[in-house]
Amino acid sequence: MIQYKTMKTNERNFLASRREFLWSIAALGAVGGCRTLGLAGDDALLRLGVISDIHVTTPESTAKFRHALAWFRRRGVDAVAVAGDLADWGLLSGLKYVKDAWDAEMSGTGIIPLFVTGNHDFEGWWYGDMALDMHVQGYSEKEALSRLGMKRCWEEAFGENYEGIRHRKVKGFDFVSAEWNCKEEAVLDWFEANAGELSTDRPLFFMRHPPFPGTTAGSGDGEAWSRLRDCLKTLPCCVAITGHTHWTLTDERSIWQDGGLTALSVPSMSYTGLPQGYENGYAVRDTTSAMSMERIQVRENLKEAQGFLLTVGERTMTVERRDFEYDVEAAAPWVVTMPGGRAAAQYSVDGRAGGADAPRFAAGATVATYMTNSVRRNGTWTMFLTLDFPAADRGGRVFDYVARIVMDDGSVFASKKYLSTSFYKPRRYEARTQSFWFDAMDLPETGRYRVAVVARNCFGGESAPIFSRAYESVPGKSSIPKT
């Protein structure tokens, strides 16, 4: 028997007995029309709705979840996967509301629910502002799933068996899921013991709440779960479905491939996460942040419900990117050659970054600038150099903008990053004019400079810069009391 846990990374093929149904790129090219896209009805082996982070609290909070389920039902899916954080407060009532919503939309359809737990399902009842919300609305941690016992509560709410690792089948496809509190070692042991039970002629789907390190956008680095990731890469074809990051599906880094592994970062049904390091992005939730602009109001407004529809054909998997807030396709679908092998490079980050189309500004675009008095996020007064300019609506999709203070000698005195105001929305909703703040206390006190703005795609590819008028200095800056 192959020892998965002790094998070297490049030798971990713990499903070596699976029949390697590799198809060549030439064979793919010989298939025309919708069949190539895996969208034609007769060619679809599996249709799978995929969402995550539904964060149900009250019966009313299931509205977006139900809306997505109804759309999946109309599209004829075989199953719907939810990649964790079902119950925002981690309460039994939350799970029951999820089940009620499912029954209201899916009862009698034969569509299979494929749910996996996330951190909120175990811990949400003690998460600061969530706990306050919970208590104000008349709920209590006395019904916390982690206190009553997840297995008991899950089986009471959903009527299905609950284990730390579950193996379910849909139309001959294997779905293996690991719950939030499951350890990597246990999953490796499970595969060691159960490899013979897995199909030999279908891709494997693996589900867990947090992403594998070093994969999709927002996944971060680290060693935890990297061994399983490297094992799954050796398979002929594996699709990892994860949530947790609340990352937008408009970011092309939400799909990642290496070897036989395709990883999908499933967006949230409740709000989009904001990356750190941006003047209008994420910082601490209290008022201690010294950042200038208010962050984009996505969490507070609980908007941007998004998800995927996977259509698995004989030779391709099409990933449709659906924005449920606007009921439109958020971007062009991804079409993945099945199974992975050499074709997996089509969605590798390194393979796409260099060739991705950079955004472009219209000819003659400039940056309009003016000074305003206002306060930082922490309430301290300052002056801002406000930057207004037309959106870079040509070429590739804008992810962010960078404003650089460029001195007369060409040196860069300071720079700041800003998320595009609609980076998480379908492109048609991009604001025509972008407006950002540059704290005047971060400007040079002497010397001549201009503000240069570039637009960047999600891989960091830059547009040509546009410029403001020239400035000489910031008179009186040294006399302003430090705050």
Foldseek 3Di string as FASTA:
>chain_A
DDQQVPDDLVPQQLLVVFDQPDDDVVVLVVDDDCQSQLQDPVFFLFKEWEAEQLQFEDLVSCVLVLLSLQVSVVSPGQEYEYQANQHQQLFLVSLLSVLVSCCVRPPPPNYYYHYAYAPSNQHNCPPVVSVVVQVVVPHHCVRHCNVVDVQVSCCVRPVDGDDQWDWDDTSLEIEIEGHHPDALVVVSVCSNVCSVVHHRQDEHEYGHAQDDDPAAPPNHHDDGPVSVVSSSLQYQAYEYEYEDQLAFPLALSQWAFHRQYIYGHHHHQFWHAFDPQALQHDDDPDQPDQRADHHQPTNVVRAWGKIWMWGDGPFWIWTFIATSRVGDGQDHIDIQTPGCHPSRLVSHLVSVLVVAKWFEAPPPKAWEWDKDWDGGSNRHIFIWTKTKTFDRLDIGDFQKKKKFKAFPVGDTQDMHIHGQSVNRGRSVPGDGMDMDIDTLLSDAAAGKTWIWMWTGGSSGDTYHTHIYDMDGGDPPSVVDDDD
